[in-house]
């Protein structure tokens, strides 16, 4: 399954996609951002998500990062 397909599935069915799956996708796209500051910012957000205690909190934080998935699909 291609990364693009996984991202489209995640965007279409965010509520039923696991936090771990979304984090896995974010890790894959993070190095592709040309701007180092964006990659570092994204890494900081990922770290906050990893530190969250429950899945509901993780999903809330992950929802704010959906634009990164959309940017990836648009060609960064």
PDB file of N, CA and C in Angstrom:
ATOM      1  N   UNK A   1       0.846  -1.173   0.000  1.00  0.00           N
ATOM      2  CA  UNK A   1       0.000   0.000   0.000  1.00  0.00           C
ATOM      3  C   UNK A   1       0.895   1.241   0.000  1.00  0.00           C
ATOM      4  N   UNK A   2       0.684   2.110  -0.948  1.00  0.00           N
ATOM      5  CA  UNK A   2       1.534   3.285  -1.069  1.00  0.00           C
ATOM      6  C   UNK A   2       1.254   4.292   0.041  1.00  0.00           C
ATOM      7  N   UNK A   3       2.225   5.139   0.283  1.00  0.00           N
ATOM      8  CA  UNK A   3       2.083   6.176   1.301  1.00  0.00           C
ATOM      9  C   UNK A   3       0.940   7.116   0.930  1.00  0.00           C
ATOM     10  N   UNK A   4       0.845   7.464  -0.330  1.00  0.00           N
ATOM     11  CA  UNK A   4      -0.223   8.352  -0.782  1.00  0.00           C
ATOM     12  C   UNK A   4      -1.605   7.737  -0.490  1.00  0.00           C
ATOM     13  N   UNK A   5      -1.735   6.464  -0.760  1.00  0.00           N
ATOM     14  CA  UNK A   5      -2.992   5.765  -0.497  1.00  0.00           C
ATOM     15  C   UNK A   5      -3.299   5.759   1.006  1.00  0.00           C
ATOM     16  N   UNK A   6      -2.296   5.499   1.820  1.00  0.00           N
ATOM     17  CA  UNK A   6      -2.478   5.487   3.276  1.00  0.00           C
ATOM     18  C   UNK A   6      -2.937   6.848   3.779  1.00  0.00           C
ATOM     19  N   UNK A   7      -2.349   7.905   3.225  1.00  0.00           N
ATOM     20  CA  UNK A   7      -2.720   9.264   3.631  1.00  0.00           C
ATOM     21  C   UNK A   7      -4.160   9.560   3.241  1.00  0.00           C
ATOM     22  N   UNK A   8      -4.528   9.196   2.024  1.00  0.00           N
ATOM     23  CA  UNK A   8      -5.907   9.431   1.576  1.00  0.00           C
ATOM     24  C   UNK A   8      -6.895   8.678   2.456  1.00  0.00           C
ATOM     25  N   UNK A   9      -6.573   7.441   2.791  1.00  0.00           N
ATOM     26  CA  UNK A   9      -7.432   6.654   3.686  1.00  0.00           C
ATOM     27  C   UNK A   9      -7.562   7.318   5.045  1.00  0.00           C
ATOM     28  N   UNK A  10      -6.446   7.807   5.563  1.00  0.00           N
ATOM     29  CA  UNK A  10      -6.444   8.469   6.871  1.00  0.00           C
ATOM     30  C   UNK A  10      -7.298   9.727   6.848  1.00  0.00           C
ATOM     31  N   UNK A  11      -7.158  10.518   5.807  1.00  0.00           N
ATOM     32  CA  UNK A  11      -7.943  11.745   5.705  1.00  0.00           C
ATOM     33  C   UNK A  11      -9.431  11.445   5.559  1.00  0.00           C
ATOM     34  N   UNK A  12      -9.751  10.375   4.850  1.00  0.00           N
ATOM     35  CA  UNK A  12     -11.150  10.014   4.636  1.00  0.00           C
ATOM     36  C   UNK A  12     -11.790   9.345   5.842  1.00  0.00           C
ATOM     37  N   UNK A  13     -10.987   8.707   6.686  1.00  0.00           N
ATOM     38  CA  UNK A  13     -11.517   7.963   7.822  1.00  0.00           C
ATOM     39  C   UNK A  13     -10.652   8.183   9.067  1.00  0.00           C
ATOM     40  N   UNK A  14     -10.435   9.437   9.391  1.00  0.00           N
ATOM     41  CA  UNK A  14      -9.562   9.798  10.508  1.00  0.00           C
ATOM     42  C   UNK A  14      -9.993   9.134  11.814  1.00  0.00           C
ATOM     43  N   UNK A  15     -11.273   9.158  12.106  1.00  0.00           N
ATOM     44  CA  UNK A  15     -11.766   8.650  13.392  1.00  0.00           C
ATOM     45  C   UNK A  15     -11.481   7.164  13.593  1.00  0.00           C
ATOM     46  N   UNK A  16     -11.419   6.411  12.511  1.00  0.00           N
ATOM     47  CA  UNK A  16     -11.190   4.973  12.619  1.00  0.00           C
ATOM     48  C   UNK A  16      -9.748   4.567  12.347  1.00  0.00           C
ATOM     49  N   UNK A  17      -8.881   5.541  12.134  1.00  0.00           N
ATOM     50  CA  UNK A  17      -7.461   5.269  11.936  1.00  0.00           C
ATOM     51  C   UNK A  17      -6.765   5.364  13.290  1.00  0.00           C
ATOM     52  N   UNK A  18      -5.936   4.396  13.595  1.00  0.00           N
ATOM     53  CA  UNK A  18      -5.276   4.395  14.901  1.00  0.00           C
ATOM     54  C   UNK A  18      -4.249   5.526  14.992  1.00  0.00           C
ATOM     55  N   UNK A  19      -4.018   5.965  16.203  1.00  0.00           N
ATOM     56  CA  UNK A  19      -3.010   7.003  16.438  1.00  0.00           C
ATOM     57  C   UNK A  19      -1.641   6.529  15.976  1.00  0.00           C
ATOM     58  N   UNK A  20      -1.329   5.278  16.235  1.00  0.00           N
ATOM     59  CA  UNK A  20      -0.033   4.736  15.822  1.00  0.00           C
ATOM     60  C   UNK A  20       0.145   4.783  14.315  1.00  0.00           C
ATOM     61  N   UNK A  21      -0.915   4.489  13.578  1.00  0.00           N
ATOM     62  CA  UNK A  21      -0.845   4.516  12.113  1.00  0.00           C
ATOM     63  C   UNK A  21      -0.595   5.939  11.619  1.00  0.00           C
ATOM     64  N   UNK A  22      -1.278   6.894  12.208  1.00  0.00           N
ATOM     65  CA  UNK A  22      -1.110   8.292  11.802  1.00  0.00           C
ATOM     66  C   UNK A  22       0.302   8.755  12.138  1.00  0.00           C
ATOM     67  N   UNK A  23       0.802   8.380  13.307  1.00  0.00           N
ATOM     68  CA  UNK A  23       2.176   8.738  13.680  1.00  0.00           C
ATOM     69  C   UNK A  23       3.182   8.118  12.709  1.00  0.00           C
ATOM     70  N   UNK A  24       2.945   6.890  12.315  1.00  0.00           N
ATOM     71  CA  UNK A  24       3.823   6.217  11.360  1.00  0.00           C
ATOM     72  C   UNK A  24       3.870   7.002  10.045  1.00  0.00           C
ATOM     73  N   UNK A  25       2.724   7.461   9.586  1.00  0.00           N
ATOM     74  CA  UNK A  25       2.666   8.253   8.354  1.00  0.00           C
ATOM     75  C   UNK A  25       3.415   9.569   8.533  1.00  0.00           C
ATOM     76  N   UNK A  26       3.206  10.242   9.663  1.00  0.00           N
ATOM     77  CA  UNK A  26       3.891  11.517   9.912  1.00  0.00           C
ATOM     78  C   UNK A  26       5.412  11.337   9.921  1.00  0.00           C
ATOM     79  N   UNK A  27       5.880  10.242  10.524  1.00  0.00           N
ATOM     80  CA  UNK A  27       7.323   9.961  10.521  1.00  0.00           C
ATOM     81  C   UNK A  27       7.845   9.784   9.094  1.00  0.00           C
ATOM     82  N   UNK A  28       7.041   9.195   8.236  1.00  0.00           N
ATOM     83  CA  UNK A  28       7.468   8.967   6.863  1.00  0.00           C
ATOM     84  C   UNK A  28       7.517  10.251   6.040  1.00  0.00           C
ATOM     85  N   UNK A  29       6.600  11.175   6.306  1.00  0.00           N
ATOM     86  CA  UNK A  29       6.584  12.393   5.492  1.00  0.00           C
ATOM     87  C   UNK A  29       7.478  13.489   6.056  1.00  0.00           C
ATOM     88  N   UNK A  30       7.789  13.421   7.340  1.00  0.00           N
ATOM     89  CA  UNK A  30       8.579  14.487   7.988  1.00  0.00           C
ATOM     90  C   UNK A  30       9.881  14.814   7.252  1.00  0.00           C
ATOM     91  N   UNK A  31      10.682  13.834   6.849  1.00  0.00           N
ATOM     92  CA  UNK A  31      11.947  14.170   6.175  1.00  0.00           C
ATOM     93  C   UNK A  31      11.769  14.799   4.789  1.00  0.00           C
ATOM     94  N   UNK A  32      10.571  14.726   4.253  1.00  0.00           N
ATOM     95  CA  UNK A  32      10.353  15.241   2.907  1.00  0.00           C
ATOM     96  C   UNK A  32      10.056  16.736   2.861  1.00  0.00           C
ATOM     97  N   UNK A  33       9.837  17.333   4.018  1.00  0.00           N
ATOM     98  CA  UNK A  33       9.641  18.779   4.049  1.00  0.00           C
ATOM     99  C   UNK A  33      10.998  19.446   3.846  1.00  0.00           C
ATOM    100  N   UNK A  34      11.064  20.343   2.889  1.00  0.00           N
ATOM    101  CA  UNK A  34      12.334  20.981   2.540  1.00  0.00           C
ATOM    102  C   UNK A  34      12.801  21.982   3.594  1.00  0.00           C
ATOM    103  N   UNK A  35      11.868  22.550   4.312  1.00  0.00           N
ATOM    104  CA  UNK A  35      12.180  23.535   5.332  1.00  0.00           C
ATOM    105  C   UNK A  35      12.490  22.810   6.650  1.00  0.00           C
ATOM    106  N   UNK A  36      13.697  22.987   7.153  1.00  0.00           N
ATOM    107  CA  UNK A  36      14.132  22.329   8.388  1.00  0.00           C
ATOM    108  C   UNK A  36      13.253  22.751   9.562  1.00  0.00           C
ATOM    109  N   UNK A  37      12.846  23.995   9.587  1.00  0.00           N
ATOM    110  CA  UNK A  37      12.016  24.476  10.694  1.00  0.00           C
ATOM    111  C   UNK A  37      10.674  23.733  10.743  1.00  0.00           C
ATOM    112  N   UNK A  38      10.111  23.437   9.586  1.00  0.00           N
ATOM    113  CA  UNK A  38       8.853  22.698   9.544  1.00  0.00           C
ATOM    114  C   UNK A  38       9.062  21.291  10.081  1.00  0.00           C
ATOM    115  N   UNK A  39      10.146  20.649   9.668  1.00  0.00           N
ATOM    116  CA  UNK A  39      10.444  19.295  10.152  1.00  0.00           C
ATOM    117  C   UNK A  39      10.651  19.286  11.660  1.00  0.00           C
ATOM    118  N   UNK A  40      11.360  20.280  12.167  1.00  0.00           N
ATOM    119  CA  UNK A  40      11.599  20.360  13.606  1.00  0.00           C
ATOM    120  C   UNK A  40      10.306  20.634  14.371  1.00  0.00           C
ATOM    121  N   UNK A  41       9.478  21.512  13.832  1.00  0.00           N
ATOM    122  CA  UNK A  41       8.185  21.807  14.452  1.00  0.00           C
ATOM    123  C   UNK A  41       7.330  20.545  14.501  1.00  0.00           C
ATOM    124  N   UNK A  42       7.291  19.830  13.383  1.00  0.00           N
ATOM    125  CA  UNK A  42       6.518  18.605  13.315  1.00  0.00           C
ATOM    126  C   UNK A  42       7.049  17.569  14.301  1.00  0.00           C
ATOM    127  N   UNK A  43       8.361  17.472  14.431  1.00  0.00           N
ATOM    128  CA  UNK A  43       8.946  16.537  15.390  1.00  0.00           C
ATOM    129  C   UNK A  43       8.536  16.889  16.819  1.00  0.00           C
ATOM    130  N   UNK A  44       8.505  18.173  17.137  1.00  0.00           N
ATOM    131  CA  UNK A  44       8.064  18.609  18.461  1.00  0.00           C
ATOM    132  C   UNK A  44       6.617  18.228  18.726  1.00  0.00           C
ATOM    133  N   UNK A  45       5.767  18.387  17.718  1.00  0.00           N
ATOM    134  CA  UNK A  45       4.360  18.010  17.860  1.00  0.00           C
ATOM    135  C   UNK A  45       4.214  16.496  18.021  1.00  0.00           C
ATOM    136  N   UNK A  46       4.997  15.738  17.265  1.00  0.00           N
ATOM    137  CA  UNK A  46       4.969  14.283  17.379  1.00  0.00           C
ATOM    138  C   UNK A  46       5.383  13.866  18.788  1.00  0.00           C
ATOM    139  N   UNK A  47       6.401  14.519  19.324  1.00  0.00           N
ATOM    140  CA  UNK A  47       6.870  14.202  20.669  1.00  0.00           C
ATOM    141  C   UNK A  47       5.772  14.447  21.701  1.00  0.00           C
ATOM    142  N   UNK A  48       5.036  15.553  21.560  1.00  0.00           N
ATOM    143  CA  UNK A  48       3.933  15.846  22.481  1.00  0.00           C
ATOM    144  C   UNK A  48       2.871  14.762  22.407  1.00  0.00           C
ATOM    145  N   UNK A  49       2.613  14.286  21.204  1.00  0.00           N
ATOM    146  CA  UNK A  49       1.611  13.232  21.022  1.00  0.00           C
ATOM    147  C   UNK A  49       2.073  11.951  21.698  1.00  0.00           C
ATOM    148  N   UNK A  50       3.344  11.624  21.538  1.00  0.00           N
ATOM    149  CA  UNK A  50       3.881  10.419  22.158  1.00  0.00           C
ATOM    150  C   UNK A  50       3.811  10.486  23.683  1.00  0.00           C
ATOM    151  N   UNK A  51       3.884  11.680  24.227  1.00  0.00           N
ATOM    152  CA  UNK A  51       3.826  11.862  25.673  1.00  0.00           C
ATOM    153  C   UNK A  51       2.403  11.892  26.220  1.00  0.00           C
ATOM    154  N   UNK A  52       1.410  12.000  25.349  1.00  0.00           N
ATOM    155  CA  UNK A  52       0.011  12.040  25.786  1.00  0.00           C
ATOM    156  C   UNK A  52      -0.362  10.712  26.442  1.00  0.00           C
ATOM    157  N   UNK A  53      -1.201  10.798  27.457  1.00  0.00           N
ATOM    158  CA  UNK A  53      -1.539   9.624  28.254  1.00  0.00           C
ATOM    159  C   UNK A  53      -2.638   8.747  27.663  1.00  0.00           C
ATOM    160  N   UNK A  54      -3.578   9.333  26.960  1.00  0.00           N
ATOM    161  CA  UNK A  54      -4.667   8.503  26.440  1.00  0.00           C
ATOM    162  C   UNK A  54      -4.872   8.731  24.948  1.00  0.00           C
ATOM    163  N   UNK A  55      -5.550   7.782  24.340  1.00  0.00           N
ATOM    164  CA  UNK A  55      -5.723   7.826  22.900  1.00  0.00           C
ATOM    165  C   UNK A  55      -6.603   8.995  22.454  1.00  0.00           C
ATOM    166  N   UNK A  56      -7.574   9.366  23.262  1.00  0.00           N
ATOM    167  CA  UNK A  56      -8.443  10.490  22.906  1.00  0.00           C
ATOM    168  C   UNK A  56      -7.629  11.781  22.802  1.00  0.00           C
ATOM    169  N   UNK A  57      -6.702  11.969  23.718  1.00  0.00           N
ATOM    170  CA  UNK A  57      -5.833  13.152  23.676  1.00  0.00           C
ATOM    171  C   UNK A  57      -4.904  13.085  22.458  1.00  0.00           C
ATOM    172  N   UNK A  58      -4.370  11.920  22.175  1.00  0.00           N
ATOM    173  CA  UNK A  58      -3.522  11.755  21.001  1.00  0.00           C
ATOM    174  C   UNK A  58      -4.277  12.109  19.734  1.00  0.00           C
ATOM    175  N   UNK A  59      -5.508  11.617  19.614  1.00  0.00           N
ATOM    176  CA  UNK A  59      -6.308  11.891  18.417  1.00  0.00           C
ATOM    177  C   UNK A  59      -6.594  13.388  18.285  1.00  0.00           C
ATOM    178  N   UNK A  60      -6.863  14.042  19.413  1.00  0.00           N
ATOM    179  CA  UNK A  60      -7.120  15.491  19.375  1.00  0.00           C
ATOM    180  C   UNK A  60      -5.894  16.229  18.852  1.00  0.00           C
ATOM    181  N   UNK A  61      -4.718  15.842  19.335  1.00  0.00           N
ATOM    182  CA  UNK A  61      -3.483  16.478  18.893  1.00  0.00           C
ATOM    183  C   UNK A  61      -3.171  16.129  17.439  1.00  0.00           C
ATOM    184  N   UNK A  62      -3.434  14.907  17.054  1.00  0.00           N
ATOM    185  CA  UNK A  62      -3.175  14.481  15.676  1.00  0.00           C
ATOM    186  C   UNK A  62      -4.079  15.199  14.684  1.00  0.00           C
ATOM    187  N   UNK A  63      -5.292  15.489  15.080  1.00  0.00           N
ATOM    188  CA  UNK A  63      -6.231  16.174  14.190  1.00  0.00           C
ATOM    189  C   UNK A  63      -5.671  17.522  13.738  1.00  0.00           C
ATOM    190  N   UNK A  64      -4.937  18.169  14.617  1.00  0.00           N
ATOM    191  CA  UNK A  64      -4.336  19.464  14.273  1.00  0.00           C
ATOM    192  C   UNK A  64      -3.220  19.328  13.239  1.00  0.00           C
ATOM    193  N   UNK A  65      -2.726  18.108  13.041  1.00  0.00           N
ATOM    194  CA  UNK A  65      -1.629  17.898  12.093  1.00  0.00           C
ATOM    195  C   UNK A  65      -2.108  17.393  10.732  1.00  0.00           C
ATOM    196  N   UNK A  66      -3.401  17.272  10.545  1.00  0.00           N
ATOM    197  CA  UNK A  66      -3.920  16.814   9.260  1.00  0.00           C
ATOM    198  C   UNK A  66      -3.486  17.672   8.072  1.00  0.00           C
ATOM    199  N   UNK A  67      -3.306  18.993   8.233  1.00  0.00           N
ATOM    200  CA  UNK A  67      -2.828  19.780   7.089  1.00  0.00           C
ATOM    201  C   UNK A  67      -1.482  19.289   6.534  1.00  0.00           C
ATOM    202  N   UNK A  68      -0.642  18.712   7.376  1.00  0.00           N
ATOM    203  CA  UNK A  68       0.633  18.182   6.889  1.00  0.00           C
ATOM    204  C   UNK A  68       0.406  17.036   5.913  1.00  0.00           C
ATOM    205  N   UNK A  69      -0.596  16.217   6.188  1.00  0.00           N
ATOM    206  CA  UNK A  69      -0.920  15.127   5.275  1.00  0.00           C
ATOM    207  C   UNK A  69      -1.450  15.685   3.957  1.00  0.00           C
ATOM    208  N   UNK A  70      -2.268  16.705   4.048  1.00  0.00           N
ATOM    209  CA  UNK A  70      -2.808  17.337   2.840  1.00  0.00           C
ATOM    210  C   UNK A  70      -1.695  17.995   2.029  1.00  0.00           C
ATOM    211  N   UNK A  71      -0.748  18.649   2.700  1.00  0.00           N
ATOM    212  CA  UNK A  71       0.378  19.271   2.001  1.00  0.00           C
ATOM    213  C   UNK A  71       1.193  18.223   1.259  1.00  0.00           C
ATOM    214  N   UNK A  72       1.383  17.073   1.905  1.00  0.00           N
ATOM    215  CA  UNK A  72       2.133  15.995   1.257  1.00  0.00           C
ATOM    216  C   UNK A  72       1.448  15.583  -0.038  1.00  0.00           C
ATOM    217  N   UNK A  73       0.144  15.428   0.010  1.00  0.00           N
ATOM    218  CA  UNK A  73      -0.608  15.025  -1.184  1.00  0.00           C
ATOM    219  C   UNK A  73      -0.539  16.080  -2.280  1.00  0.00           C
ATOM    220  N   UNK A  74      -0.404  17.340  -1.889  1.00  0.00           N
ATOM    221  CA  UNK A  74      -0.341  18.435  -2.854  1.00  0.00           C
ATOM    222  C   UNK A  74       1.071  18.639  -3.392  1.00  0.00           C
ATOM    223  N   UNK A  75       2.013  17.850  -2.917  1.00  0.00           N
ATOM    224  CA  UNK A  75       3.377  17.954  -3.422  1.00  0.00           C
ATOM    225  C   UNK A  75       4.278  18.808  -2.560  1.00  0.00           C
ATOM    226  N   UNK A  76       3.930  18.993  -1.309  1.00  0.00           N
ATOM    227  CA  UNK A  76       4.697  19.787  -0.355  1.00  0.00           C
ATOM    228  C   UNK A  76       4.882  21.163  -0.925  1.00  0.00           C
TER     229      UNK A  76
END
